[in-house]
Protein backbone atom coordinates (compact mmCIF):
# COMPACT_ATOMS: atom_id res chain seq x y z
CA MET A 1 13.54 95.85 52.75
CA LYS A 2 15.21 94.22 55.71
CA ALA A 3 19.23 93.18 55.04
CA LEU A 4 18.02 89.51 55.75
CA ASP A 5 15.61 90.03 53.22
CA HIS A 6 18.33 91.12 50.51
CA GLU A 7 20.45 88.15 52.15
CA LEU A 8 17.59 85.82 51.22
CA LEU A 9 17.18 86.91 47.80
CA GLU A 10 20.85 86.97 47.28
CA ALA A 11 21.52 83.82 48.51
CA ALA A 12 18.42 81.96 46.21
CA ARG A 13 19.77 83.92 43.18
CA THR A 14 22.99 81.94 43.45
CA GLY A 15 21.81 78.78 44.54
CA ASP A 16 23.53 79.42 48.16
CA ALA A 17 21.37 76.90 50.40
CA GLU A 18 22.62 77.43 53.48
CA GLY A 19 22.12 81.25 53.08
CA VAL A 20 18.69 80.76 52.28
CA ARG A 21 18.32 78.93 55.32
CA ALA A 22 20.13 80.79 57.74
CA ALA A 23 18.54 84.09 56.16
CA ILE A 24 14.47 82.56 56.69
CA GLU A 25 16.35 80.96 60.18
CA GLY A 26 17.12 84.96 60.93
CA GLY A 27 13.72 86.27 60.30
CA ALA A 28 13.97 87.10 56.58
CA ARG A 29 10.32 87.39 54.50
CA ALA A 30 10.14 83.78 52.27
CA ASP A 31 7.74 86.49 50.06
CA VAL A 32 9.97 89.38 49.46
CA ARG A 33 10.83 90.31 45.88
CA ASP A 34 13.46 92.13 44.38
CA GLU A 35 13.32 94.85 42.34
CA GLU A 36 12.27 93.05 38.81
CA PRO A 37 9.69 92.04 41.19
CA ARG A 38 11.20 88.20 42.10
CA THR A 39 10.55 86.12 44.71
CA PRO A 40 13.25 84.00 46.31
CA LEU A 41 12.07 81.26 44.16
CA LEU A 42 11.93 82.78 40.56
CA ALA A 43 15.51 84.50 41.59
CA ALA A 44 16.81 80.97 42.24
CA GLY A 45 15.89 80.19 38.84
CA ALA A 46 12.18 78.17 39.18
CA THR A 47 10.42 77.88 35.84
CA PRO A 48 6.97 79.15 36.88
CA GLY A 49 5.35 77.79 34.01
CA LEU A 50 6.22 73.87 34.34
CA PRO A 51 3.32 71.94 35.68
CA ASP A 52 3.09 70.30 38.93
CA GLY A 53 2.31 66.12 38.46
CA ASP A 54 -1.44 66.91 38.01
CA GLY A 55 -0.74 69.37 35.05
CA VAL A 56 -1.23 72.81 36.55
CA THR A 57 1.19 75.46 36.76
CA ALA A 58 1.85 77.79 39.71
CA PRO A 59 -0.25 80.86 37.94
CA ALA A 60 -3.09 78.41 38.13
CA HIS A 61 -2.75 77.43 41.05
CA ALA A 62 -2.80 80.86 42.50
CA GLY A 63 -5.05 82.29 40.48
CA ARG A 64 -7.60 79.07 41.77
CA ARG A 65 -6.53 80.30 45.29
CA GLY A 66 -7.81 83.93 44.33
CA HIS A 67 -4.08 85.48 44.59
CA MET A 68 -4.54 87.27 40.90
CA GLU A 69 -1.83 89.23 41.54
CA ILE A 70 0.68 86.31 42.38
CA ALA A 71 -0.71 84.94 39.33
CA ALA A 72 -0.04 88.05 37.47
CA LEU A 73 3.64 88.33 38.72
CA LEU A 74 4.27 84.37 37.55
CA ARG A 75 2.90 84.31 34.74
CA ASP A 76 4.59 87.73 33.95
CA ALA A 77 7.98 85.41 35.03
CA GLY A 78 7.30 83.36 32.25
CA GLY A 79 4.32 81.16 33.58
CA ASP A 80 1.47 79.56 31.47
CA ARG A 81 3.77 79.45 28.09
């Protein structure tokens, strides 16, 4: 993992919006995963099972788009419960 990727995850986890912005602008990968494996949004505390305005959760959206591994990771993180 690149140092900027680590900085992005840490900034997301601690709620440091400026750190997130700087890491992304510096070239950090927004889809990087930590050891859990969580993406920056999940590390920041996003609720993967929270439905959108149409009542559809992130795991369901990912599955509908054929991103089955992502859907499984989101479900494992608490989505669709």
